[in-house]
Amino acid sequence: MKKFISALALCLAVQTAGALEITAVSTASIKGAAKADFTFGSVAVKNIAYEKGGVVMPVTENKGKIYTDIKLLSKGLYLKIENCFKNGFTKPAKAPAAPAVKIESFKPLKSPARVANAEIVLDGDLLVTAGVMASKKEEGTFWVAFPPALSFPDGAFKSAVESAVIAAWTRKEKK
């Protein structure tokens, strides 16, 4: 009986964990709109488009180069966004918990300002590439530059993500 209860609890945890929920959209109903801003609880992504029957995530342009620094990782989230464009947004019954944050990897760069790119995964659904920036004011300190299309309605969550990225980078750097 104990094993059955443990297995049941594990199944319920797997079903509820790891799924970003859309909690708000730039307009109450976006059916037929070309672009919209989506809020996933503690994280928001601006200018998600629906073009030619597909969801298109925003890109960052810098000095003539285009960077895809926000990517969808799950078909489930893709379908939720697509459904909002096709059928309009319906508010969830309850507010979701803050997404689980995993620092996937770092890519060291040769720039003196942007020392690395950090790949951050939110609930296994959304990949965000953020910059680990060296502080010009204080030697040996870092800060995190998020893509312009990403924002944090919850300041405490943003601070927690920044702290996690900086802590992971300084641990990696010391090795």
Protein backbone atom coordinates (compact mmCIF):
# COMPACT_ATOMS: atom_id res chain seq x y z
CA MET A 1 0.00 0.00 0.00
CA LYS A 2 2.86 2.37 0.86
CA LYS A 3 4.44 1.82 -2.56
CA PHE A 4 1.10 2.49 -4.27
CA ILE A 5 0.66 5.80 -2.44
CA SER A 6 4.24 6.82 -3.27
CA ALA A 7 3.72 5.94 -6.95
CA LEU A 8 0.44 7.87 -7.04
CA ALA A 9 2.07 10.92 -5.45
CA LEU A 10 4.92 10.75 -7.98
CA CYS A 11 2.47 10.56 -10.90
CA LEU A 12 0.55 13.60 -9.62
CA ALA A 13 3.77 15.56 -9.13
CA VAL A 14 4.92 14.77 -12.68
CA GLN A 15 1.57 15.87 -14.11
CA THR A 16 1.48 19.20 -12.28
CA ALA A 17 5.17 20.12 -12.41
CA GLY A 18 6.96 21.70 -15.31
CA ALA A 19 4.28 23.48 -17.28
CA LEU A 20 4.22 27.21 -17.83
CA GLU A 21 0.69 28.59 -17.79
CA ILE A 22 -0.45 31.68 -19.65
CA THR A 23 -1.83 34.05 -17.01
CA ALA A 24 -2.34 37.19 -19.11
CA VAL A 25 -2.20 38.44 -22.68
CA SER A 26 -1.71 42.02 -23.91
CA THR A 27 -5.41 42.18 -24.76
CA ALA A 28 -8.29 40.25 -23.23
CA SER A 29 -8.97 38.49 -26.50
CA ILE A 30 -6.29 38.30 -29.16
CA LYS A 31 -8.16 36.15 -31.65
CA GLY A 32 -6.95 37.18 -35.08
CA ALA A 33 -4.20 39.50 -33.76
CA ALA A 34 -0.76 39.39 -35.37
CA LYS A 35 1.33 39.99 -32.21
CA ALA A 36 0.73 39.87 -28.48
CA ASP A 37 2.53 40.06 -25.15
CA PHE A 38 2.15 36.92 -23.03
CA THR A 39 2.58 36.62 -19.27
CA PHE A 40 3.46 33.23 -17.83
CA GLY A 41 3.01 34.00 -14.13
CA SER A 42 6.37 35.45 -13.04
CA VAL A 43 7.74 35.91 -16.59
CA ALA A 44 6.43 37.85 -19.60
CA VAL A 45 7.45 37.69 -23.26
CA LYS A 46 6.65 40.62 -25.56
CA ASN A 47 5.86 40.52 -29.27
CA ILE A 48 5.09 36.85 -29.81
CA ALA A 49 3.68 36.67 -33.33
CA TYR A 50 1.36 34.35 -35.19
CA GLU A 51 2.37 34.30 -38.84
CA LYS A 52 1.43 31.90 -41.64
CA GLY A 53 -0.23 29.49 -39.23
CA GLY A 54 2.67 29.30 -36.76
CA VAL A 55 3.87 30.85 -33.52
CA VAL A 56 6.98 33.00 -33.99
CA MET A 57 9.02 33.97 -30.96
CA PRO A 58 10.65 37.43 -30.79
CA VAL A 59 14.27 37.91 -31.81
CA THR A 60 16.92 40.43 -30.80
CA GLU A 61 18.73 42.45 -33.46
CA ASN A 62 22.14 43.94 -32.68
CA LYS A 63 24.62 45.41 -35.15
CA GLY A 64 22.99 43.71 -38.12
CA LYS A 65 22.85 40.27 -36.48
CA ILE A 66 19.70 38.48 -35.38
CA TYR A 67 19.69 36.41 -32.20
CA THR A 68 16.98 33.93 -31.20
CA ASP A 69 17.37 34.26 -27.46
CA ILE A 70 13.90 33.08 -26.40
CA LYS A 71 12.85 29.65 -27.62
CA LEU A 72 9.95 27.31 -27.01
CA LEU A 73 11.06 23.87 -25.84
CA SER A 74 7.72 22.11 -25.49
CA LYS A 75 4.91 21.43 -27.87
CA GLY A 76 2.48 21.93 -24.98
CA LEU A 77 3.41 25.59 -24.52
CA TYR A 78 3.44 26.12 -28.28
CA LEU A 79 -0.12 24.78 -28.49
CA LYS A 80 -1.28 26.97 -25.58
CA ILE A 81 0.06 30.09 -27.32
CA GLU A 82 -1.36 29.02 -30.68
CA ASN A 83 -4.73 28.39 -29.05
CA CYS A 84 -4.74 31.94 -27.66
CA PHE A 85 -4.19 33.34 -31.15
CA LYS A 86 -6.87 31.12 -32.69
CA ASN A 87 -9.54 31.10 -29.99
CA GLY A 88 -8.74 33.96 -27.62
CA PHE A 89 -7.39 33.94 -24.07
CA THR A 90 -9.18 32.46 -21.09
CA LYS A 91 -7.80 33.21 -17.65
CA PRO A 92 -6.72 30.14 -15.64
CA ALA A 93 -8.77 29.16 -12.59
CA LYS A 94 -5.85 29.60 -10.20
CA ALA A 95 -2.55 31.45 -10.32
CA PRO A 96 0.34 29.10 -11.15
CA ALA A 97 3.40 28.71 -8.98
CA ALA A 98 6.64 30.39 -9.98
CA PRO A 99 8.37 28.39 -12.73
CA ALA A 100 11.24 26.08 -11.93
CA VAL A 101 14.53 27.59 -13.07
CA LYS A 102 17.41 25.49 -14.37
CA ILE A 103 20.71 26.97 -15.54
CA GLU A 104 21.34 24.66 -18.49
CA SER A 105 24.78 25.81 -19.64
CA PHE A 106 27.22 28.67 -20.14
CA LYS A 107 29.00 29.67 -23.33
CA PRO A 108 32.08 31.77 -22.50
CA LEU A 109 32.63 34.71 -24.85
CA LYS A 110 35.73 36.73 -25.75
CA SER A 111 34.08 40.07 -25.01
CA PRO A 112 35.36 41.99 -21.97
CA ALA A 113 31.81 43.19 -21.20
CA ARG A 114 29.61 40.18 -21.98
CA VAL A 115 31.72 37.37 -20.58
CA ALA A 116 29.26 34.52 -21.24
CA ASN A 117 25.82 33.53 -22.45
CA ALA A 118 23.73 31.64 -19.92
CA GLU A 119 20.99 29.29 -21.10
CA ILE A 120 18.13 29.35 -18.61
CA VAL A 121 15.27 26.86 -18.84
CA LEU A 122 11.93 27.73 -17.24
CA ASP A 123 9.76 24.72 -16.34
CA GLY A 124 11.31 22.80 -19.23
CA ASP A 125 9.09 24.84 -21.59
CA LEU A 126 11.00 28.03 -22.36
CA LEU A 127 14.71 28.58 -23.04
CA VAL A 128 16.11 32.06 -22.44
CA THR A 129 19.65 33.06 -23.39
CA ALA A 130 20.84 35.82 -21.06
CA GLY A 131 24.16 37.60 -20.94
CA VAL A 132 26.52 37.38 -17.98
CA MET A 133 27.98 40.87 -17.87
CA ALA A 134 31.17 41.96 -16.11
CA SER A 135 30.65 45.04 -13.98
CA LYS A 136 32.69 48.08 -14.99
CA LYS A 137 32.21 49.62 -11.54
CA GLU A 138 33.34 46.72 -9.37
CA GLU A 139 36.05 44.32 -10.50
CA GLY A 140 35.03 40.67 -10.21
CA THR A 141 31.28 41.27 -9.96
CA PHE A 142 28.66 40.37 -12.54
CA TRP A 143 25.13 41.20 -13.53
CA VAL A 144 22.65 39.56 -15.91
CA ALA A 145 21.33 41.09 -19.15
CA PHE A 146 18.04 39.54 -20.21
CA PRO A 147 16.68 39.76 -23.78
CA PRO A 148 14.66 42.95 -24.39
CA ALA A 149 11.50 40.92 -25.13
CA LEU A 150 11.62 39.28 -21.67
CA SER A 151 10.33 40.97 -18.55
CA PHE A 152 9.52 39.98 -14.99
CA PRO A 153 6.24 41.16 -13.46
CA ASP A 154 7.48 39.62 -10.20
CA GLY A 155 10.63 41.49 -9.10
CA ALA A 156 11.49 38.88 -6.44
CA PHE A 157 11.47 36.14 -9.08
CA LYS A 158 13.74 38.21 -11.34
CA SER A 159 16.15 38.73 -8.46
CA ALA A 160 16.15 35.00 -7.69
CA VAL A 161 16.93 34.14 -11.34
CA GLU A 162 19.73 36.72 -11.49
CA SER A 163 21.22 35.39 -8.25
CA ALA A 164 21.06 31.80 -9.51
CA VAL A 165 22.80 32.72 -12.80
CA ILE A 166 25.53 34.74 -11.10
CA ALA A 167 26.13 32.05 -8.46
CA ALA A 168 26.35 29.32 -11.11
CA TRP A 169 28.72 31.45 -13.23
CA THR A 170 31.07 32.28 -10.34
CA ARG A 171 31.19 28.58 -9.36
CA LYS A 172 31.99 27.65 -12.95
CA GLU A 173 34.59 30.40 -13.26
CA LYS A 174 36.46 29.22 -10.13
CA LYS A 175 36.89 25.69 -11.51
